[in-house]
Amino acid sequence: MGLEVVLNDIAEGAKSEVSRIEAEAKAVSEQIVEEARQTSREDLGRRLAAVEENLENQRQQVLSSANLEVKRIQLNKRKELLDSVYQDTVESIKTLPADKNEEYLKTLIKKYESEGSVIYSNKESEKIVRKRSSLKYGGNIDCLGGIVIENDDGTIRLDYTYDVLLKAVYERSLKQISDILDG
């Protein structure tokens, strides 16, 4: 019987050692699982933060692209509008009544005739220019109207054609026109 008691004691000791080891293993495994969960949460948090940052960057890029596209469209529409107004003005000049054209030519000749010795005009204005100017008529030029005055040796050429005057007014007024269009 003594042996049985010793065996029972050993078995009881072994059972208690197994229980202790199991409890210790369970605590360690729970700690490992909790650390893994914590690491997973931290990793998930980092990944979510990275995804959110990436999404914000993409949103900013899309907004920037959209803003640039809107500006490009606005500039194109503004250019179309300005070109249309310019073309309308050119058409208005082409269809100037003869008396208005003569009046404008008379004013230009009177103001600038003294600066040269040869005068040019388009074919339609030739009669008026020859009649109103004391300068030698140099011939016809391709323009909407107006005159070009040149000195004797051709080194100085003053262009007072409607084309050049319109372009100068247009370019001088672009800033003001742009401000008006911007509201």
Protein backbone atom coordinates (compact mmCIF):
# COMPACT_ATOMS: atom_id res chain seq x y z
CA MET A 1 0.00 0.00 0.00
CA GLY A 2 2.82 2.28 0.59
CA LEU A 3 3.63 2.06 -3.02
CA GLU A 4 0.14 2.95 -4.00
CA VAL A 5 0.20 6.05 -1.85
CA VAL A 6 3.51 7.09 -3.38
CA LEU A 7 2.09 6.49 -6.84
CA ASN A 8 -1.02 8.47 -5.94
CA ASP A 9 1.13 11.28 -4.59
CA ILE A 10 3.22 11.25 -7.77
CA ALA A 11 0.05 11.17 -9.91
CA GLU A 12 -1.49 13.99 -7.87
CA GLY A 13 1.77 15.96 -8.16
CA ALA A 14 1.87 15.30 -11.88
CA LYS A 15 -1.78 16.36 -12.27
CA SER A 16 -1.18 19.52 -10.34
CA GLU A 17 1.99 20.19 -12.40
CA VAL A 18 0.01 19.60 -15.61
CA SER A 19 -2.72 21.97 -14.38
CA ARG A 20 -0.13 24.58 -13.48
CA ILE A 21 1.62 24.21 -16.86
CA GLU A 22 -1.73 24.29 -18.67
CA ALA A 23 -2.74 27.43 -16.76
CA GLU A 24 0.62 29.02 -17.47
CA ALA A 25 0.39 28.02 -21.15
CA LYS A 26 -3.15 29.37 -21.31
CA ALA A 27 -2.01 32.70 -19.79
CA VAL A 28 0.94 32.89 -22.18
CA SER A 29 -1.24 32.01 -25.18
CA GLU A 30 -3.83 34.62 -24.14
CA GLN A 31 -1.03 37.17 -23.81
CA ILE A 32 0.30 36.20 -27.26
CA VAL A 33 -3.21 36.41 -28.74
CA GLU A 34 -3.77 39.82 -27.09
CA GLU A 35 -0.39 41.09 -28.35
CA ALA A 36 -1.27 39.79 -31.84
CA ARG A 37 -4.64 41.55 -31.65
CA GLN A 38 -2.94 44.75 -30.50
CA THR A 39 -0.34 44.50 -33.26
CA SER A 40 -3.11 43.78 -35.74
CA ARG A 41 -5.11 46.82 -34.53
CA GLU A 42 -2.01 49.01 -34.75
CA ASP A 43 -1.22 47.68 -38.23
CA LEU A 44 -4.84 48.16 -39.28
CA GLY A 45 -4.73 51.71 -37.88
CA ARG A 46 -1.55 52.48 -39.80
CA ARG A 47 -3.02 51.01 -42.96
CA LEU A 48 -6.26 52.95 -42.52
CA ALA A 49 -4.30 56.14 -41.94
CA ALA A 50 -2.23 55.45 -45.08
CA VAL A 51 -5.39 54.72 -47.09
CA GLU A 52 -7.04 57.90 -45.79
CA GLU A 53 -3.93 59.92 -46.65
CA ASN A 54 -3.80 58.35 -50.10
CA LEU A 55 -7.50 59.08 -50.63
CA GLU A 56 -6.99 62.69 -49.53
CA ASN A 57 -4.05 63.05 -51.91
CA GLN A 58 -6.10 61.60 -54.75
CA ARG A 59 -9.01 63.90 -53.86
CA GLN A 60 -6.67 66.89 -53.96
CA GLN A 61 -5.28 65.76 -57.32
CA VAL A 62 -8.79 65.32 -58.73
CA LEU A 63 -9.82 68.74 -57.41
CA SER A 64 -6.68 70.35 -58.84
CA SER A 65 -7.26 68.67 -62.20
CA ALA A 66 -10.90 69.71 -62.17
CA ASN A 67 -9.98 73.31 -61.29
CA LEU A 68 -7.41 73.40 -64.08
CA GLU A 69 -9.94 71.98 -66.51
CA VAL A 70 -12.52 74.57 -65.47
CA LYS A 71 -9.96 77.36 -65.93
CA ARG A 72 -8.97 75.95 -69.31
CA ILE A 73 -12.61 75.84 -70.39
CA GLN A 74 -13.18 79.38 -69.11
CA LEU A 75 -10.10 80.66 -70.94
CA ASN A 76 -11.18 78.90 -74.14
CA LYS A 77 -14.69 80.37 -73.87
CA ARG A 78 -13.24 83.80 -73.10
CA LYS A 79 -10.95 83.51 -76.13
CA GLU A 80 -13.88 82.43 -78.31
CA LEU A 81 -15.89 85.40 -77.06
CA LEU A 82 -13.02 87.84 -77.62
CA ASP A 83 -12.35 86.40 -81.07
CA SER A 84 -16.03 86.70 -81.89
CA VAL A 85 -16.13 90.34 -80.76
CA TYR A 86 -12.93 91.03 -82.74
CA GLN A 87 -14.42 89.43 -85.86
CA ASP A 88 -17.68 91.38 -85.40
CA THR A 89 -15.61 94.56 -85.19
CA VAL A 90 -13.71 93.62 -88.35
CA GLU A 91 -17.04 93.03 -90.12
CA SER A 92 -18.32 96.39 -88.88
CA ILE A 93 -15.22 98.09 -90.28
CA LYS A 94 -15.62 96.28 -93.61
CA THR A 95 -19.17 97.56 -93.90
CA LEU A 96 -18.48 101.14 -92.84
CA PRO A 97 -20.68 103.57 -94.72
CA ALA A 98 -18.69 105.43 -97.38
CA ASP A 99 -19.19 108.82 -95.70
CA LYS A 100 -17.85 107.51 -92.36
CA ASN A 101 -14.88 105.89 -94.05
CA GLU A 102 -14.15 109.15 -95.90
CA GLU A 103 -14.42 111.08 -92.64
CA TYR A 104 -11.96 108.73 -90.89
CA LEU A 105 -9.53 108.83 -93.82
CA LYS A 106 -9.73 112.63 -93.94
CA THR A 107 -8.89 112.79 -90.20
CA LEU A 108 -5.94 110.37 -90.57
CA ILE A 109 -4.57 112.20 -93.61
CA LYS A 110 -4.88 115.61 -91.97
CA LYS A 111 -3.17 114.41 -88.80
CA TYR A 112 -0.28 112.38 -90.30
CA GLU A 113 0.27 113.64 -93.87
CA SER A 114 3.14 115.88 -92.83
CA GLU A 115 5.15 112.87 -91.61
CA GLY A 116 5.87 111.40 -95.05
CA SER A 117 5.92 111.83 -98.79
CA VAL A 118 4.17 108.71 -100.13
CA ILE A 119 0.74 107.42 -99.12
CA TYR A 120 -0.89 104.00 -99.59
CA SER A 121 -4.44 102.74 -99.09
CA ASN A 122 -6.61 99.80 -100.03
CA LYS A 123 -8.26 99.72 -103.47
CA GLU A 124 -11.66 100.82 -102.14
CA SER A 125 -10.21 103.99 -100.54
CA GLU A 126 -7.86 104.97 -103.36
CA LYS A 127 -10.11 107.69 -104.86
CA ILE A 128 -10.71 109.33 -101.48
CA VAL A 129 -7.02 109.23 -100.51
CA ARG A 130 -5.88 110.66 -103.86
CA LYS A 131 -8.49 113.42 -103.54
CA ARG A 132 -7.73 114.30 -99.89
CA SER A 133 -3.93 113.95 -99.81
CA SER A 134 -1.20 116.04 -101.41
CA LEU A 135 1.26 113.13 -101.04
CA LYS A 136 2.34 110.93 -103.91
CA TYR A 137 0.08 107.87 -104.11
CA GLY A 138 2.23 104.74 -103.70
CA GLY A 139 -0.36 102.11 -104.55
CA ASN A 140 -2.81 99.72 -102.98
CA ILE A 141 -2.21 97.61 -99.89
CA ASP A 142 -4.19 94.70 -98.49
CA CYS A 143 -6.01 96.04 -95.43
CA LEU A 144 -9.48 96.81 -94.05
CA GLY A 145 -8.98 100.50 -94.63
CA GLY A 146 -6.87 103.40 -93.44
CA ILE A 147 -3.54 104.59 -94.76
CA VAL A 148 0.19 103.91 -94.65
CA ILE A 149 2.55 106.86 -94.94
CA GLU A 150 6.18 106.47 -95.97
CA ASN A 151 9.14 108.84 -96.28
CA ASP A 152 11.01 109.37 -99.60
CA ASP A 153 13.54 106.60 -99.21
CA GLY A 154 11.11 104.13 -97.58
CA THR A 155 13.07 103.88 -94.32
CA ILE A 156 10.19 105.16 -92.23
CA ARG A 157 6.78 103.60 -92.68
CA LEU A 158 3.85 104.69 -90.50
CA ASP A 159 0.97 102.24 -90.52
CA TYR A 160 -2.41 103.80 -89.76
CA THR A 161 -4.49 101.04 -91.28
CA TYR A 162 -7.71 100.08 -89.52
CA ASP A 163 -6.23 96.61 -89.01
CA VAL A 164 -3.27 97.95 -87.02
CA LEU A 165 -5.35 100.51 -85.13
CA LEU A 166 -7.94 97.85 -84.19
CA LYS A 167 -5.24 95.45 -83.05
CA ALA A 168 -3.60 98.16 -80.91
CA VAL A 169 -6.91 99.10 -79.28
CA TYR A 170 -7.75 95.44 -78.75
CA GLU A 171 -4.41 94.64 -77.10
CA ARG A 172 -4.54 97.80 -74.99
CA SER A 173 -8.06 96.88 -73.82
CA LEU A 174 -7.46 93.19 -73.09
CA LYS A 175 -6.83 93.72 -69.37
CA GLN A 176 -9.97 95.83 -68.98
CA ILE A 177 -12.02 93.33 -71.03
CA SER A 178 -10.65 90.46 -68.95
CA ASP A 179 -11.58 92.27 -65.72
CA ILE A 180 -15.12 92.82 -67.01
CA LEU A 181 -15.45 89.14 -67.97
CA ASP A 182 -14.20 88.09 -64.53
CA GLY A 183 -17.03 90.12 -62.99
